[in-house]
Amino acid sequence: MELSDAVSTIEYKISTYSTHFNEGFVLKMDIHPGWPSEYELQQKLQRMYPFMSIKYHFLDNEVMQLSIQKITPSSFS
């Protein structure tokens, strides 16, 4: 999957859950191995959403899961 497609998918998911996407809310979605690297995705999205944490998790059943969490500037100190 191209980086721009992955970003569009994440933006759509965030807009779908926008009323719940507050500090501490974790949005999870299953993804496939063809997604861009966690680093590439983090770099691209941090320019648009500076207070967002993005992590890949590898589950026992060989499924990858993406966790997106809104954080506050105070979380960095």
PDB file of N, CA and C in Angstrom:
ATOM      1  N   MET A   1       0.849  -1.173   0.000  1.00  0.00           N
ATOM      2  CA  MET A   1       0.000   0.000   0.000  1.00  0.00           C
ATOM      3  C   MET A   1       0.894   1.236   0.000  1.00  0.00           C
ATOM      4  N   GLU A   2       0.534   2.177  -0.801  1.00  0.00           N
ATOM      5  CA  GLU A   2       1.278   3.440  -0.864  1.00  0.00           C
ATOM      6  C   GLU A   2       1.065   4.238   0.427  1.00  0.00           C
ATOM      7  N   LEU A   3       2.045   5.036   0.782  1.00  0.00           N
ATOM      8  CA  LEU A   3       1.970   5.863   1.980  1.00  0.00           C
ATOM      9  C   LEU A   3       0.754   6.780   1.935  1.00  0.00           C
ATOM     10  N   SER A   4       0.487   7.394   0.797  1.00  0.00           N
ATOM     11  CA  SER A   4      -0.658   8.314   0.680  1.00  0.00           C
ATOM     12  C   SER A   4      -1.984   7.582   0.891  1.00  0.00           C
ATOM     13  N   ASP A   5      -2.080   6.336   0.427  1.00  0.00           N
ATOM     14  CA  ASP A   5      -3.302   5.552   0.636  1.00  0.00           C
ATOM     15  C   ASP A   5      -3.481   5.204   2.111  1.00  0.00           C
ATOM     16  N   ALA A   6      -2.390   4.858   2.773  1.00  0.00           N
ATOM     17  CA  ALA A   6      -2.455   4.535   4.201  1.00  0.00           C
ATOM     18  C   ALA A   6      -2.881   5.762   5.003  1.00  0.00           C
ATOM     19  N   VAL A   7      -2.326   6.919   4.667  1.00  0.00           N
ATOM     20  CA  VAL A   7      -2.683   8.159   5.358  1.00  0.00           C
ATOM     21  C   VAL A   7      -4.164   8.475   5.136  1.00  0.00           C
ATOM     22  N   SER A   8      -4.653   8.322   3.924  1.00  0.00           N
ATOM     23  CA  SER A   8      -6.072   8.568   3.632  1.00  0.00           C
ATOM     24  C   SER A   8      -6.971   7.635   4.429  1.00  0.00           C
ATOM     25  N   THR A   9      -6.571   6.376   4.541  1.00  0.00           N
ATOM     26  CA  THR A   9      -7.347   5.405   5.310  1.00  0.00           C
ATOM     27  C   THR A   9      -7.407   5.807   6.775  1.00  0.00           C
ATOM     28  N   ILE A  10      -6.280   6.228   7.321  1.00  0.00           N
ATOM     29  CA  ILE A  10      -6.234   6.643   8.725  1.00  0.00           C
ATOM     30  C   ILE A  10      -7.048   7.913   8.933  1.00  0.00           C
ATOM     31  N   GLU A  11      -6.941   8.868   8.031  1.00  0.00           N
ATOM     32  CA  GLU A  11      -7.730  10.098   8.149  1.00  0.00           C
ATOM     33  C   GLU A  11      -9.223   9.794   8.118  1.00  0.00           C
ATOM     34  N   TYR A  12      -9.632   8.874   7.268  1.00  0.00           N
ATOM     35  CA  TYR A  12     -11.041   8.486   7.206  1.00  0.00           C
ATOM     36  C   TYR A  12     -11.469   7.857   8.535  1.00  0.00           C
ATOM     37  N   LYS A  13     -10.633   6.980   9.071  1.00  0.00           N
ATOM     38  CA  LYS A  13     -10.950   6.311  10.334  1.00  0.00           C
ATOM     39  C   LYS A  13     -11.061   7.332  11.460  1.00  0.00           C
ATOM     40  N   ILE A  14     -10.151   8.292  11.507  1.00  0.00           N
ATOM     41  CA  ILE A  14     -10.200   9.330  12.536  1.00  0.00           C
ATOM     42  C   ILE A  14     -11.467  10.166  12.391  1.00  0.00           C
ATOM     43  N   SER A  15     -11.820  10.545  11.170  1.00  0.00           N
ATOM     44  CA  SER A  15     -13.028  11.358  10.974  1.00  0.00           C
ATOM     45  C   SER A  15     -14.283  10.581  11.357  1.00  0.00           C
ATOM     46  N   THR A  16     -14.268   9.272  11.147  1.00  0.00           N
ATOM     47  CA  THR A  16     -15.410   8.438  11.523  1.00  0.00           C
ATOM     48  C   THR A  16     -15.598   8.419  13.039  1.00  0.00           C
ATOM     49  N   TYR A  17     -14.498   8.437  13.774  1.00  0.00           N
ATOM     50  CA  TYR A  17     -14.548   8.382  15.234  1.00  0.00           C
ATOM     51  C   TYR A  17     -14.254   9.738  15.864  1.00  0.00           C
ATOM     52  N   SER A  18     -14.397  10.814  15.131  1.00  0.00           N
ATOM     53  CA  SER A  18     -13.966  12.132  15.599  1.00  0.00           C
ATOM     54  C   SER A  18     -14.613  12.561  16.912  1.00  0.00           C
ATOM     55  N   THR A  19     -15.859  12.176  17.152  1.00  0.00           N
ATOM     56  CA  THR A  19     -16.503  12.579  18.404  1.00  0.00           C
ATOM     57  C   THR A  19     -15.900  11.858  19.602  1.00  0.00           C
ATOM     58  N   HIS A  20     -15.257  10.724  19.375  1.00  0.00           N
ATOM     59  CA  HIS A  20     -14.644   9.959  20.460  1.00  0.00           C
ATOM     60  C   HIS A  20     -13.133  10.134  20.514  1.00  0.00           C
ATOM     61  N   PHE A  21     -12.568  10.757  19.496  1.00  0.00           N
ATOM     62  CA  PHE A  21     -11.110  10.822  19.390  1.00  0.00           C
ATOM     63  C   PHE A  21     -10.564  11.947  20.253  1.00  0.00           C
ATOM     64  N   ASN A  22     -10.593  11.717  21.558  1.00  0.00           N
ATOM     65  CA  ASN A  22     -10.080  12.666  22.532  1.00  0.00           C
ATOM     66  C   ASN A  22      -8.818  12.092  23.149  1.00  0.00           C
ATOM     67  N   GLU A  23      -8.182  12.869  24.008  1.00  0.00           N
ATOM     68  CA  GLU A  23      -6.970  12.401  24.672  1.00  0.00           C
ATOM     69  C   GLU A  23      -7.226  11.062  25.366  1.00  0.00           C
ATOM     70  N   GLY A  24      -6.354  10.129  25.133  1.00  0.00           N
ATOM     71  CA  GLY A  24      -6.459   8.823  25.775  1.00  0.00           C
ATOM     72  C   GLY A  24      -7.232   7.786  24.985  1.00  0.00           C
ATOM     73  N   PHE A  25      -8.086   8.206  24.061  1.00  0.00           N
ATOM     74  CA  PHE A  25      -8.845   7.249  23.251  1.00  0.00           C
ATOM     75  C   PHE A  25      -7.897   6.568  22.273  1.00  0.00           C
ATOM     76  N   VAL A  26      -7.963   5.249  22.206  1.00  0.00           N
ATOM     77  CA  VAL A  26      -7.097   4.491  21.301  1.00  0.00           C
ATOM     78  C   VAL A  26      -7.950   3.893  20.196  1.00  0.00           C
ATOM     79  N   LEU A  27      -7.615   4.232  18.992  1.00  0.00           N
ATOM     80  CA  LEU A  27      -8.287   3.711  17.806  1.00  0.00           C
ATOM     81  C   LEU A  27      -7.437   2.577  17.268  1.00  0.00           C
ATOM     82  N   LYS A  28      -8.036   1.405  17.105  1.00  0.00           N
ATOM     83  CA  LYS A  28      -7.279   0.246  16.627  1.00  0.00           C
ATOM     84  C   LYS A  28      -7.864  -0.248  15.321  1.00  0.00           C
ATOM     85  N   MET A  29      -6.990  -0.672  14.436  1.00  0.00           N
ATOM     86  CA  MET A  29      -7.447  -1.258  13.182  1.00  0.00           C
ATOM     87  C   MET A  29      -6.462  -2.325  12.725  1.00  0.00           C
ATOM     88  N   ASP A  30      -7.008  -3.422  12.218  1.00  0.00           N
ATOM     89  CA  ASP A  30      -6.166  -4.487  11.683  1.00  0.00           C
ATOM     90  C   ASP A  30      -5.635  -4.053  10.325  1.00  0.00           C
ATOM     91  N   ILE A  31      -4.381  -4.337  10.089  1.00  0.00           N
ATOM     92  CA  ILE A  31      -3.754  -3.973   8.821  1.00  0.00           C
ATOM     93  C   ILE A  31      -3.000  -5.183   8.276  1.00  0.00           C
ATOM     94  N   HIS A  32      -2.585  -5.098   7.052  1.00  0.00           N
ATOM     95  CA  HIS A  32      -1.850  -6.200   6.440  1.00  0.00           C
ATOM     96  C   HIS A  32      -0.382  -5.813   6.270  1.00  0.00           C
ATOM     97  N   PRO A  33       0.486  -6.795   6.066  1.00  0.00           N
ATOM     98  CA  PRO A  33       1.924  -6.519   5.974  1.00  0.00           C
ATOM     99  C   PRO A  33       2.329  -5.564   4.849  1.00  0.00           C
ATOM    100  N   GLY A  34       1.469  -5.281   3.898  1.00  0.00           N
ATOM    101  CA  GLY A  34       1.802  -4.385   2.800  1.00  0.00           C
ATOM    102  C   GLY A  34       1.750  -2.910   3.156  1.00  0.00           C
ATOM    103  N   TRP A  35       1.429  -2.590   4.409  1.00  0.00           N
ATOM    104  CA  TRP A  35       1.369  -1.189   4.823  1.00  0.00           C
ATOM    105  C   TRP A  35       2.774  -0.600   4.902  1.00  0.00           C
ATOM    106  N   PRO A  36       2.879   0.742   4.786  1.00  0.00           N
ATOM    107  CA  PRO A  36       4.186   1.393   4.932  1.00  0.00           C
ATOM    108  C   PRO A  36       4.759   1.114   6.328  1.00  0.00           C
ATOM    109  N   SER A  37       6.037   1.339   6.486  1.00  0.00           N
ATOM    110  CA  SER A  37       6.654   1.103   7.794  1.00  0.00           C
ATOM    111  C   SER A  37       6.064   2.052   8.836  1.00  0.00           C
ATOM    112  N   GLU A  38       6.147   1.621  10.082  1.00  0.00           N
ATOM    113  CA  GLU A  38       5.641   2.432  11.189  1.00  0.00           C
ATOM    114  C   GLU A  38       6.333   3.792  11.197  1.00  0.00           C
ATOM    115  N   TYR A  39       7.632   3.802  10.936  1.00  0.00           N
ATOM    116  CA  TYR A  39       8.405   5.040  10.933  1.00  0.00           C
ATOM    117  C   TYR A  39       7.916   6.001   9.846  1.00  0.00           C
ATOM    118  N   GLU A  40       7.729   5.493   8.624  1.00  0.00           N
ATOM    119  CA  GLU A  40       7.255   6.338   7.518  1.00  0.00           C
ATOM    120  C   GLU A  40       5.889   6.940   7.838  1.00  0.00           C
ATOM    121  N   LEU A  41       5.023   6.106   8.366  1.00  0.00           N
ATOM    122  CA  LEU A  41       3.670   6.552   8.692  1.00  0.00           C
ATOM    123  C   LEU A  41       3.700   7.597   9.803  1.00  0.00           C
ATOM    124  N   GLN A  42       4.497   7.336  10.828  1.00  0.00           N
ATOM    125  CA  GLN A  42       4.621   8.268  11.951  1.00  0.00           C
ATOM    126  C   GLN A  42       5.148   9.618  11.459  1.00  0.00           C
ATOM    127  N   GLN A  43       6.176   9.612  10.628  1.00  0.00           N
ATOM    128  CA  GLN A  43       6.756  10.855  10.122  1.00  0.00           C
ATOM    129  C   GLN A  43       5.746  11.661   9.312  1.00  0.00           C
ATOM    130  N   LYS A  44       5.030  11.003   8.450  1.00  0.00           N
ATOM    131  CA  LYS A  44       4.045  11.681   7.598  1.00  0.00           C
ATOM    132  C   LYS A  44       2.893  12.245   8.425  1.00  0.00           C
ATOM    133  N   LEU A  45       2.355  11.437   9.328  1.00  0.00           N
ATOM    134  CA  LEU A  45       1.195  11.872  10.098  1.00  0.00           C
ATOM    135  C   LEU A  45       1.543  12.905  11.162  1.00  0.00           C
ATOM    136  N   GLN A  46       2.766  12.874  11.691  1.00  0.00           N
ATOM    137  CA  GLN A  46       3.116  13.852  12.719  1.00  0.00           C
ATOM    138  C   GLN A  46       3.185  15.265  12.167  1.00  0.00           C
ATOM    139  N   ARG A  47       3.405  15.401  10.888  1.00  0.00           N
ATOM    140  CA  ARG A  47       3.371  16.742  10.291  1.00  0.00           C
ATOM    141  C   ARG A  47       1.946  17.297  10.297  1.00  0.00           C
ATOM    142  N   MET A  48       0.979  16.416  10.086  1.00  0.00           N
ATOM    143  CA  MET A  48      -0.420  16.848  10.026  1.00  0.00           C
ATOM    144  C   MET A  48      -1.094  16.800  11.396  1.00  0.00           C
ATOM    145  N   TYR A  49      -0.726  15.825  12.203  1.00  0.00           N
ATOM    146  CA  TYR A  49      -1.322  15.619  13.527  1.00  0.00           C
ATOM    147  C   TYR A  49      -0.187  15.490  14.545  1.00  0.00           C
ATOM    148  N   PRO A  50       0.366  16.612  15.015  1.00  0.00           N
ATOM    149  CA  PRO A  50       1.552  16.541  15.873  1.00  0.00           C
ATOM    150  C   PRO A  50       1.334  15.838  17.212  1.00  0.00           C
ATOM    151  N   PHE A  51       0.109  15.742  17.674  1.00  0.00           N
ATOM    152  CA  PHE A  51      -0.138  15.129  18.977  1.00  0.00           C
ATOM    153  C   PHE A  51      -0.838  13.787  18.829  1.00  0.00           C
ATOM    154  N   MET A  52      -0.224  12.922  18.037  1.00  0.00           N
ATOM    155  CA  MET A  52      -0.785  11.607  17.786  1.00  0.00           C
ATOM    156  C   MET A  52       0.322  10.563  17.913  1.00  0.00           C
ATOM    157  N   SER A  53       0.003   9.484  18.583  1.00  0.00           N
ATOM    158  CA  SER A  53       0.938   8.366  18.714  1.00  0.00           C
ATOM    159  C   SER A  53       0.463   7.232  17.815  1.00  0.00           C
ATOM    160  N   ILE A  54       1.385   6.666  17.048  1.00  0.00           N
ATOM    161  CA  ILE A  54       1.059   5.578  16.127  1.00  0.00           C
ATOM    162  C   ILE A  54       1.984   4.409  16.436  1.00  0.00           C
ATOM    163  N   LYS A  55       1.406   3.248  16.653  1.00  0.00           N
ATOM    164  CA  LYS A  55       2.195   2.054  16.964  1.00  0.00           C
ATOM    165  C   LYS A  55       1.655   0.859  16.194  1.00  0.00           C
ATOM    166  N   TYR A  56       2.558   0.010  15.739  1.00  0.00           N
ATOM    167  CA  TYR A  56       2.188  -1.274  15.141  1.00  0.00           C
ATOM    168  C   TYR A  56       2.324  -2.342  16.216  1.00  0.00           C
ATOM    169  N   HIS A  57       1.386  -3.253  16.251  1.00  0.00           N
ATOM    170  CA  HIS A  57       1.435  -4.389  17.172  1.00  0.00           C
ATOM    171  C   HIS A  57       1.304  -5.661  16.350  1.00  0.00           C
ATOM    172  N   PHE A  58       2.107  -6.633  16.668  1.00  0.00           N
ATOM    173  CA  PHE A  58       2.028  -7.924  15.994  1.00  0.00           C
ATOM    174  C   PHE A  58       1.339  -8.888  16.946  1.00  0.00           C
ATOM    175  N   LEU A  59       0.131  -9.307  16.604  1.00  0.00           N
ATOM    176  CA  LEU A  59      -0.663 -10.170  17.460  1.00  0.00           C
ATOM    177  C   LEU A  59      -0.278 -11.630  17.254  1.00  0.00           C
ATOM    178  N   ASP A  60      -0.702 -12.475  18.178  1.00  0.00           N
ATOM    179  CA  ASP A  60      -0.357 -13.901  18.143  1.00  0.00           C
ATOM    180  C   ASP A  60      -0.790 -14.600  16.868  1.00  0.00           C
ATOM    181  N   ASN A  61      -1.901 -14.194  16.315  1.00  0.00           N
ATOM    182  CA  ASN A  61      -2.440 -14.869  15.131  1.00  0.00           C
ATOM    183  C   ASN A  61      -1.885 -14.293  13.824  1.00  0.00           C
ATOM    184  N   GLU A  62      -0.692 -13.702  13.897  1.00  0.00           N
ATOM    185  CA  GLU A  62       0.011 -13.143  12.740  1.00  0.00           C
ATOM    186  C   GLU A  62      -0.718 -11.973  12.081  1.00  0.00           C
ATOM    187  N   VAL A  63      -1.583 -11.343  12.836  1.00  0.00           N
ATOM    188  CA  VAL A  63      -2.285 -10.155  12.364  1.00  0.00           C
ATOM    189  C   VAL A  63      -1.534  -8.939  12.895  1.00  0.00           C
ATOM    190  N   MET A  64      -1.420  -7.928  12.056  1.00  0.00           N
ATOM    191  CA  MET A  64      -0.834  -6.664  12.495  1.00  0.00           C
ATOM    192  C   MET A  64      -1.973  -5.728  12.878  1.00  0.00           C
ATOM    193  N   GLN A  65      -1.754  -4.979  13.942  1.00  0.00           N
ATOM    194  CA  GLN A  65      -2.759  -4.023  14.362  1.00  0.00           C
ATOM    195  C   GLN A  65      -2.094  -2.661  14.518  1.00  0.00           C
ATOM    196  N   LEU A  66      -2.787  -1.652  14.070  1.00  0.00           N
ATOM    197  CA  LEU A  66      -2.320  -0.280  14.176  1.00  0.00           C
ATOM    198  C   LEU A  66      -3.104   0.394  15.289  1.00  0.00           C
ATOM    199  N   SER A  67      -2.407   1.005  16.239  1.00  0.00           N
ATOM    200  CA  SER A  67      -3.042   1.761  17.315  1.00  0.00           C
ATOM    201  C   SER A  67      -2.724   3.234  17.115  1.00  0.00           C
ATOM    202  N   ILE A  68      -3.758   4.040  17.165  1.00  0.00           N
ATOM    203  CA  ILE A  68      -3.614   5.484  17.007  1.00  0.00           C
ATOM    204  C   ILE A  68      -4.180   6.118  18.269  1.00  0.00           C
ATOM    205  N   GLN A  69      -3.400   6.972  18.918  1.00  0.00           N
ATOM    206  CA  GLN A  69      -3.852   7.598  20.149  1.00  0.00           C
ATOM    207  C   GLN A  69      -3.544   9.083  20.118  1.00  0.00           C
ATOM    208  N   LYS A  70      -4.511   9.876  20.540  1.00  0.00           N
ATOM    209  CA  LYS A  70      -4.296  11.313  20.653  1.00  0.00           C
ATOM    210  C   LYS A  70      -3.639  11.575  21.997  1.00  0.00           C
ATOM    211  N   ILE A  71      -2.565  12.345  21.974  1.00  0.00           N
ATOM    212  CA  ILE A  71      -1.852  12.678  23.197  1.00  0.00           C
ATOM    213  C   ILE A  71      -1.768  14.192  23.324  1.00  0.00           C
ATOM    214  N   THR A  72      -1.402  14.664  24.493  1.00  0.00           N
ATOM    215  CA  THR A  72      -1.289  16.104  24.714  1.00  0.00           C
ATOM    216  C   THR A  72       0.181  16.484  24.836  1.00  0.00           C
ATOM    217  N   PRO A  73       0.497  17.750  24.640  1.00  0.00           N
ATOM    218  CA  PRO A  73       1.887  18.183  24.779  1.00  0.00           C
ATOM    219  C   PRO A  73       2.466  17.844  26.153  1.00  0.00           C
ATOM    220  N   SER A  74       1.643  17.847  27.201  1.00  0.00           N
ATOM    221  CA  SER A  74       2.137  17.524  28.543  1.00  0.00           C
ATOM    222  C   SER A  74       2.585  16.073  28.644  1.00  0.00           C
ATOM    223  N   SER A  75       2.136  15.209  27.731  1.00  0.00           N
ATOM    224  CA  SER A  75       2.550  13.804  27.736  1.00  0.00           C
ATOM    225  C   SER A  75       4.016  13.655  27.367  1.00  0.00           C
ATOM    226  N   PHE A  76       4.604  14.678  26.766  1.00  0.00           N
ATOM    227  CA  PHE A  76       5.989  14.602  26.327  1.00  0.00           C
ATOM    228  C   PHE A  76       6.976  14.931  27.441  1.00  0.00           C
ATOM    229  N   SER A  77       6.504  15.543  28.529  1.00  0.00           N
ATOM    230  CA  SER A  77       7.441  15.931  29.592  1.00  0.00           C
ATOM    231  C   SER A  77       7.603  14.862  30.633  1.00  0.00           C
TER     232      SER A  77
END
